[in-house]
Amino acid sequence: HLVGTKDQEYHHISSLFLVLKNSTRLSFLYDLEDVVWIKDSILKAASETVRGMDGYVHRFMGDALLAFFGSKNKNRDDSIIDAINCAAVLESLMVGTIIPFLESRNFDAAYLGFRIGLDFGPDEKVLWASYGFKEVNEITATSFYVDVAAKLQSMARKNTAMLGENILDTIDFPNDYVQKKVITVKGERTEVEHLNKVYSDRDGLQHRYKVREL
């Protein structure tokens, strides 16, 4: 009902941003027809997993996928639980099904993987609106908690998901199911506590955003 209008509406949403890691190399290894088939097969499997978890595939972007979980008839906690379950299943799907499937067809796929970013935006922090013109438009959500899903994805290791602070705090997510990402810098192991970017608001206050690995 927002399509092509100036109407706007606040409503919560869980955002899942998935990127196919190491896919750029495919064009150096295989014919482009095979590259299309590989990428399409993986993204189809990912999108069907999203749909199976009651999510909505909002957009494909090359080797990336943006999905939303939550609707008018879905409460806040259920939308978060659906998104987290989807991230967990996607990790298992890549390792246990997609890679063996590709290798059974003589494609070197062991180096491929998913990176996933996941966060939740509450009703008062997510604004839905129509972007573009009447002929070329898209209904999408504007929120830090949508945008940060892509940032979280970029911090994830292969076949893991990074969760943002808001999704962890909103449902009081058990610590047994998350951990701090560990990186090695100059031979020293360091725990990653926050997003790798600090944001300043209009008052000049700096905000550090907690992240955890699922």
C-alpha atoms as a PDB file:
ATOM      1  CA  HIS A   1       0.000   0.000   0.000  1.00  0.00           C
ATOM      2  CA  LEU A   2       3.036   2.312   0.126  1.00  0.00           C
ATOM      3  CA  VAL A   3       3.989   1.711  -3.510  1.00  0.00           C
ATOM      4  CA  GLY A   4       4.394   4.951  -5.446  1.00  0.00           C
ATOM      5  CA  THR A   5       3.091   7.081  -2.566  1.00  0.00           C
ATOM      6  CA  LYS A   6       4.663   9.480  -0.090  1.00  0.00           C
ATOM      7  CA  ASP A   7       3.169   7.500   2.788  1.00  0.00           C
ATOM      8  CA  GLN A   8       5.530   6.091   5.388  1.00  0.00           C
ATOM      9  CA  GLU A   9       5.064   3.577   8.170  1.00  0.00           C
ATOM     10  CA  TYR A  10       7.048   2.442  11.193  1.00  0.00           C
ATOM     11  CA  HIS A  11       7.254  -1.291  11.786  1.00  0.00           C
ATOM     12  CA  HIS A  12       9.812  -3.663  13.324  1.00  0.00           C
ATOM     13  CA  ILE A  13      11.886  -6.025  11.182  1.00  0.00           C
ATOM     14  CA  SER A  14      14.727  -8.530  11.457  1.00  0.00           C
ATOM     15  CA  SER A  15      17.242  -8.190   8.640  1.00  0.00           C
ATOM     16  CA  LEU A  16      19.489 -10.940   7.291  1.00  0.00           C
ATOM     17  CA  PHE A  17      22.249 -10.027   4.852  1.00  0.00           C
ATOM     18  CA  LEU A  18      24.019 -12.949   3.178  1.00  0.00           C
ATOM     19  CA  VAL A  19      27.031 -12.854   0.873  1.00  0.00           C
ATOM     20  CA  LEU A  20      28.546 -15.749  -1.027  1.00  0.00           C
ATOM     21  CA  LYS A  21      32.207 -15.677   0.043  1.00  0.00           C
ATOM     22  CA  ASN A  22      35.002 -16.232  -2.513  1.00  0.00           C
ATOM     23  CA  SER A  23      32.580 -16.330  -5.463  1.00  0.00           C
ATOM     24  CA  THR A  24      34.576 -13.738  -7.469  1.00  0.00           C
ATOM     25  CA  ARG A  25      37.219 -16.392  -8.153  1.00  0.00           C
ATOM     26  CA  LEU A  26      34.678 -18.564  -9.978  1.00  0.00           C
ATOM     27  CA  SER A  27      35.013 -16.515 -13.173  1.00  0.00           C
ATOM     28  CA  PHE A  28      38.708 -17.414 -13.331  1.00  0.00           C
ATOM     29  CA  LEU A  29      38.008 -21.127 -12.975  1.00  0.00           C
ATOM     30  CA  TYR A  30      34.895 -21.867 -15.034  1.00  0.00           C
ATOM     31  CA  ASP A  31      32.927 -20.766 -18.075  1.00  0.00           C
ATOM     32  CA  LEU A  32      30.466 -17.986 -17.321  1.00  0.00           C
ATOM     33  CA  GLU A  33      27.542 -20.314 -18.012  1.00  0.00           C
ATOM     34  CA  ASP A  34      28.823 -22.559 -15.209  1.00  0.00           C
ATOM     35  CA  VAL A  35      29.368 -19.560 -12.924  1.00  0.00           C
ATOM     36  CA  VAL A  36      25.754 -18.483 -13.437  1.00  0.00           C
ATOM     37  CA  TRP A  37      24.553 -22.005 -12.660  1.00  0.00           C
ATOM     38  CA  ILE A  38      26.663 -22.264  -9.487  1.00  0.00           C
ATOM     39  CA  LYS A  39      25.642 -18.867  -8.123  1.00  0.00           C
ATOM     40  CA  ASP A  40      22.007 -19.341  -9.064  1.00  0.00           C
ATOM     41  CA  SER A  41      21.892 -22.777  -7.454  1.00  0.00           C
ATOM     42  CA  ILE A  42      23.327 -21.442  -4.196  1.00  0.00           C
ATOM     43  CA  LEU A  43      21.108 -18.344  -4.063  1.00  0.00           C
ATOM     44  CA  LYS A  44      18.028 -20.428  -4.896  1.00  0.00           C
ATOM     45  CA  ALA A  45      18.832 -22.769  -2.016  1.00  0.00           C
ATOM     46  CA  ALA A  46      19.378 -19.792   0.293  1.00  0.00           C
ATOM     47  CA  SER A  47      16.155 -18.087  -0.782  1.00  0.00           C
ATOM     48  CA  GLU A  48      14.100 -21.251  -0.304  1.00  0.00           C
ATOM     49  CA  THR A  49      15.573 -21.585   3.186  1.00  0.00           C
ATOM     50  CA  VAL A  50      14.531 -18.001   3.945  1.00  0.00           C
ATOM     51  CA  ARG A  51      11.022 -18.681   2.657  1.00  0.00           C
ATOM     52  CA  GLY A  52      10.846 -21.944   4.603  1.00  0.00           C
ATOM     53  CA  MET A  53      11.601 -19.991   7.789  1.00  0.00           C
ATOM     54  CA  ASP A  54       8.764 -17.551   7.062  1.00  0.00           C
ATOM     55  CA  GLY A  55      11.098 -14.866   5.756  1.00  0.00           C
ATOM     56  CA  TYR A  56      10.874 -12.647   2.679  1.00  0.00           C
ATOM     57  CA  VAL A  57      13.653 -12.360   0.087  1.00  0.00           C
ATOM     58  CA  HIS A  58      13.754  -8.621  -0.472  1.00  0.00           C
ATOM     59  CA  ARG A  59      16.597  -8.286  -2.964  1.00  0.00           C
ATOM     60  CA  PHE A  60      19.382 -10.091  -4.836  1.00  0.00           C
ATOM     61  CA  MET A  61      22.588  -8.078  -5.323  1.00  0.00           C
ATOM     62  CA  GLY A  62      25.088 -10.033  -7.409  1.00  0.00           C
ATOM     63  CA  ASP A  63      26.268 -12.722  -5.013  1.00  0.00           C
ATOM     64  CA  ALA A  64      24.354 -11.244  -2.049  1.00  0.00           C
ATOM     65  CA  LEU A  65      20.857 -11.598  -0.646  1.00  0.00           C
ATOM     66  CA  LEU A  66      18.877  -9.329   1.685  1.00  0.00           C
ATOM     67  CA  ALA A  67      15.981 -10.928   3.544  1.00  0.00           C
ATOM     68  CA  PHE A  68      13.436  -9.648   6.046  1.00  0.00           C
ATOM     69  CA  PHE A  69      11.676 -11.512   8.839  1.00  0.00           C
ATOM     70  CA  GLY A  70       8.558  -9.982  10.345  1.00  0.00           C
ATOM     71  CA  SER A  71       5.141  -8.869   9.124  1.00  0.00           C
ATOM     72  CA  LYS A  72       1.922  -7.337  10.410  1.00  0.00           C
ATOM     73  CA  ASN A  73       0.821 -10.714  11.763  1.00  0.00           C
ATOM     74  CA  LYS A  74       4.202 -11.654  13.250  1.00  0.00           C
ATOM     75  CA  ASN A  75       5.250 -10.481  16.690  1.00  0.00           C
ATOM     76  CA  ARG A  76       8.685  -9.139  17.517  1.00  0.00           C
ATOM     77  CA  ASP A  77      10.131 -12.223  19.206  1.00  0.00           C
ATOM     78  CA  ASP A  78       8.934 -14.625  16.520  1.00  0.00           C
ATOM     79  CA  SER A  79      10.526 -12.528  13.777  1.00  0.00           C
ATOM     80  CA  ILE A  80      13.860 -12.634  15.602  1.00  0.00           C
ATOM     81  CA  ILE A  81      13.655 -16.369  16.292  1.00  0.00           C
ATOM     82  CA  ASP A  82      12.808 -17.080  12.636  1.00  0.00           C
ATOM     83  CA  ALA A  83      15.819 -15.043  11.481  1.00  0.00           C
ATOM     84  CA  ILE A  84      18.250 -16.725  13.894  1.00  0.00           C
ATOM     85  CA  ASN A  85      16.967 -20.180  12.981  1.00  0.00           C
ATOM     86  CA  CYS A  86      17.370 -19.316   9.309  1.00  0.00           C
ATOM     87  CA  ALA A  87      20.989 -18.203   9.813  1.00  0.00           C
ATOM     88  CA  ALA A  88      21.784 -21.457  11.626  1.00  0.00           C
ATOM     89  CA  VAL A  89      20.164 -23.583   8.912  1.00  0.00           C
ATOM     90  CA  LEU A  90      21.949 -21.645   6.155  1.00  0.00           C
ATOM     91  CA  GLU A  91      25.329 -22.366   7.738  1.00  0.00           C
ATOM     92  CA  SER A  92      24.506 -26.076   7.947  1.00  0.00           C
ATOM     93  CA  LEU A  93      23.093 -26.096   4.420  1.00  0.00           C
ATOM     94  CA  MET A  94      26.257 -24.656   2.898  1.00  0.00           C
ATOM     95  CA  VAL A  95      28.626 -27.105   4.578  1.00  0.00           C
ATOM     96  CA  GLY A  96      26.466 -30.206   4.601  1.00  0.00           C
ATOM     97  CA  THR A  97      24.550 -29.974   1.329  1.00  0.00           C
ATOM     98  CA  ILE A  98      25.566 -27.262  -1.163  1.00  0.00           C
ATOM     99  CA  ILE A  99      29.321 -27.848  -1.209  1.00  0.00           C
ATOM    100  CA  PRO A 100      29.030 -31.666  -1.475  1.00  0.00           C
ATOM    101  CA  PHE A 101      26.395 -31.199  -4.198  1.00  0.00           C
ATOM    102  CA  LEU A 102      28.694 -28.968  -6.271  1.00  0.00           C
ATOM    103  CA  GLU A 103      31.690 -31.230  -5.751  1.00  0.00           C
ATOM    104  CA  SER A 104      29.639 -34.240  -6.900  1.00  0.00           C
ATOM    105  CA  ARG A 105      29.348 -32.358 -10.206  1.00  0.00           C
ATOM    106  CA  ASN A 106      33.131 -31.898 -10.426  1.00  0.00           C
ATOM    107  CA  PHE A 107      33.254 -28.269  -9.272  1.00  0.00           C
ATOM    108  CA  ASP A 108      35.938 -27.255  -6.767  1.00  0.00           C
ATOM    109  CA  ALA A 109      33.661 -25.702  -4.129  1.00  0.00           C
ATOM    110  CA  ALA A 110      35.387 -26.265  -0.786  1.00  0.00           C
ATOM    111  CA  TYR A 111      36.585 -22.650  -0.640  1.00  0.00           C
ATOM    112  CA  LEU A 112      33.039 -21.262  -1.099  1.00  0.00           C
ATOM    113  CA  GLY A 113      30.860 -20.278   1.828  1.00  0.00           C
ATOM    114  CA  PHE A 114      28.289 -17.933   3.296  1.00  0.00           C
ATOM    115  CA  ARG A 115      28.880 -14.873   5.470  1.00  0.00           C
ATOM    116  CA  ILE A 116      25.775 -13.667   7.288  1.00  0.00           C
ATOM    117  CA  GLY A 117      24.889 -10.516   9.213  1.00  0.00           C
ATOM    118  CA  LEU A 118      21.772 -10.362  11.347  1.00  0.00           C
ATOM    119  CA  ASP A 119      20.070  -7.693  13.442  1.00  0.00           C
ATOM    120  CA  PHE A 120      16.670  -6.477  14.648  1.00  0.00           C
ATOM    121  CA  GLY A 121      15.094  -3.028  14.466  1.00  0.00           C
ATOM    122  CA  PRO A 122      12.156  -2.163  16.769  1.00  0.00           C
ATOM    123  CA  ASP A 123       8.948  -0.459  15.643  1.00  0.00           C
ATOM    124  CA  GLU A 124      10.105   3.067  16.457  1.00  0.00           C
ATOM    125  CA  LYS A 125      13.473   2.641  14.685  1.00  0.00           C
ATOM    126  CA  VAL A 126      12.436   1.219  11.288  1.00  0.00           C
ATOM    127  CA  LEU A 127      10.663   3.394   8.705  1.00  0.00           C
ATOM    128  CA  TRP A 128       9.145   1.824   5.588  1.00  0.00           C
ATOM    129  CA  ALA A 129       8.752   3.971   2.485  1.00  0.00           C
ATOM    130  CA  SER A 130       8.687   3.908  -1.302  1.00  0.00           C
ATOM    131  CA  TYR A 131      12.016   4.835  -2.879  1.00  0.00           C
ATOM    132  CA  GLY A 132      12.308   6.032  -6.485  1.00  0.00           C
ATOM    133  CA  PHE A 133       9.620   7.082  -8.962  1.00  0.00           C
ATOM    134  CA  LYS A 134       6.218   5.653  -9.704  1.00  0.00           C
ATOM    135  CA  GLU A 135       7.574   3.668 -12.677  1.00  0.00           C
ATOM    136  CA  VAL A 136      10.776   2.526 -10.946  1.00  0.00           C
ATOM    137  CA  ASN A 137      10.416   2.078  -7.207  1.00  0.00           C
ATOM    138  CA  GLU A 138      11.030  -0.179  -4.271  1.00  0.00           C
ATOM    139  CA  ILE A 139       9.389  -0.442  -0.871  1.00  0.00           C
ATOM    140  CA  THR A 140      12.163  -0.837   1.643  1.00  0.00           C
ATOM    141  CA  ALA A 141      13.072  -0.235   5.274  1.00  0.00           C
ATOM    142  CA  THR A 142      15.267   2.637   6.433  1.00  0.00           C
ATOM    143  CA  SER A 143      17.078   1.959   9.679  1.00  0.00           C
ATOM    144  CA  PHE A 144      20.532   1.636  11.193  1.00  0.00           C
ATOM    145  CA  TYR A 145      19.519  -1.905  12.121  1.00  0.00           C
ATOM    146  CA  VAL A 146      18.886  -2.788   8.474  1.00  0.00           C
ATOM    147  CA  ASP A 147      22.075  -1.153   7.202  1.00  0.00           C
ATOM    148  CA  VAL A 148      24.228  -2.692   9.933  1.00  0.00           C
ATOM    149  CA  ALA A 149      23.355  -6.221   8.798  1.00  0.00           C
ATOM    150  CA  ALA A 150      25.664  -5.690   5.807  1.00  0.00           C
ATOM    151  CA  LYS A 151      28.421  -4.393   8.109  1.00  0.00           C
ATOM    152  CA  LEU A 152      28.001  -7.426  10.353  1.00  0.00           C
ATOM    153  CA  GLN A 153      28.239  -9.723   7.339  1.00  0.00           C
ATOM    154  CA  SER A 154      31.581  -8.202   6.382  1.00  0.00           C
ATOM    155  CA  MET A 155      32.944  -9.118   9.831  1.00  0.00           C
ATOM    156  CA  ALA A 156      31.765 -12.732   9.739  1.00  0.00           C
ATOM    157  CA  ARG A 157      34.053 -15.663   9.122  1.00  0.00           C
ATOM    158  CA  LYS A 158      33.192 -18.119   6.378  1.00  0.00           C
ATOM    159  CA  ASN A 159      30.019 -20.073   7.154  1.00  0.00           C
ATOM    160  CA  THR A 160      29.255 -18.099  10.294  1.00  0.00           C
ATOM    161  CA  ALA A 161      26.767 -15.394  11.242  1.00  0.00           C
ATOM    162  CA  MET A 162      27.443 -12.206  13.191  1.00  0.00           C
ATOM    163  CA  LEU A 163      24.642 -10.876  15.398  1.00  0.00           C
ATOM    164  CA  GLY A 164      24.171  -7.243  16.367  1.00  0.00           C
ATOM    165  CA  GLU A 165      23.698  -5.920  19.871  1.00  0.00           C
ATOM    166  CA  ASN A 166      20.014  -5.119  19.426  1.00  0.00           C
ATOM    167  CA  ILE A 167      18.995  -8.630  18.407  1.00  0.00           C
ATOM    168  CA  LEU A 168      20.927 -10.042  21.368  1.00  0.00           C
ATOM    169  CA  ASP A 169      19.394  -7.653  23.900  1.00  0.00           C
ATOM    170  CA  THR A 170      15.830  -7.676  22.590  1.00  0.00           C
ATOM    171  CA  ILE A 171      15.233 -11.357  23.340  1.00  0.00           C
ATOM    172  CA  ASP A 172      17.961 -11.780  25.972  1.00  0.00           C
ATOM    173  CA  PHE A 173      19.734 -14.303  23.753  1.00  0.00           C
ATOM    174  CA  PRO A 174      21.550 -17.057  25.739  1.00  0.00           C
ATOM    175  CA  ASN A 175      25.316 -16.597  25.952  1.00  0.00           C
ATOM    176  CA  ASP A 176      25.787 -20.343  25.384  1.00  0.00           C
ATOM    177  CA  TYR A 177      24.894 -19.837  21.713  1.00  0.00           C
ATOM    178  CA  VAL A 178      27.166 -16.890  20.942  1.00  0.00           C
ATOM    179  CA  GLN A 179      30.836 -16.095  21.294  1.00  0.00           C
ATOM    180  CA  LYS A 180      33.240 -13.265  20.639  1.00  0.00           C
ATOM    181  CA  LYS A 181      34.998 -13.523  17.311  1.00  0.00           C
ATOM    182  CA  VAL A 182      38.734 -14.073  17.742  1.00  0.00           C
ATOM    183  CA  ILE A 183      41.274 -12.648  15.303  1.00  0.00           C
ATOM    184  CA  THR A 184      45.057 -12.934  15.219  1.00  0.00           C
ATOM    185  CA  VAL A 185      47.012  -9.690  14.817  1.00  0.00           C
ATOM    186  CA  LYS A 186      50.804  -9.923  14.658  1.00  0.00           C
ATOM    187  CA  GLY A 187      50.706 -13.303  16.333  1.00  0.00           C
ATOM    188  CA  GLU A 188      48.413 -12.202  19.157  1.00  0.00           C
ATOM    189  CA  ARG A 189      44.836 -13.437  19.552  1.00  0.00           C
ATOM    190  CA  THR A 190      42.340 -10.635  20.085  1.00  0.00           C
ATOM    191  CA  GLU A 191      38.648 -10.841  20.905  1.00  0.00           C
ATOM    192  CA  VAL A 192      36.338  -8.662  18.800  1.00  0.00           C
ATOM    193  CA  GLU A 193      33.896  -6.891  21.097  1.00  0.00           C
ATOM    194  CA  HIS A 194      32.341  -4.266  18.823  1.00  0.00           C
ATOM    195  CA  LEU A 195      31.519  -3.377  15.243  1.00  0.00           C
ATOM    196  CA  ASN A 196      34.650  -2.323  13.365  1.00  0.00           C
ATOM    197  CA  LYS A 197      33.353   1.225  12.999  1.00  0.00           C
ATOM    198  CA  VAL A 198      32.463   3.902  15.555  1.00  0.00           C
ATOM    199  CA  TYR A 199      29.502   6.163  14.735  1.00  0.00           C
ATOM    200  CA  SER A 200      28.970   9.741  15.962  1.00  0.00           C
ATOM    201  CA  ASP A 201      25.462  11.140  16.371  1.00  0.00           C
ATOM    202  CA  ARG A 202      24.268  14.718  15.797  1.00  0.00           C
ATOM    203  CA  ASP A 203      25.396  15.676  19.300  1.00  0.00           C
ATOM    204  CA  GLY A 204      28.885  14.349  18.698  1.00  0.00           C
ATOM    205  CA  LEU A 205      28.433  11.342  20.976  1.00  0.00           C
ATOM    206  CA  GLN A 206      30.254   8.240  19.815  1.00  0.00           C
ATOM    207  CA  HIS A 207      28.516   4.880  19.694  1.00  0.00           C
ATOM    208  CA  ARG A 208      30.215   1.500  19.785  1.00  0.00           C
ATOM    209  CA  TYR A 209      27.987  -1.395  18.775  1.00  0.00           C
ATOM    210  CA  LYS A 210      28.417  -4.814  20.393  1.00  0.00           C
ATOM    211  CA  VAL A 211      28.633  -7.838  18.075  1.00  0.00           C
ATOM    212  CA  ARG A 212      28.773 -11.571  18.648  1.00  0.00           C
ATOM    213  CA  GLU A 213      29.289 -14.659  16.523  1.00  0.00           C
ATOM    214  CA  LEU A 214      26.438 -17.177  16.402  1.00  0.00           C
END
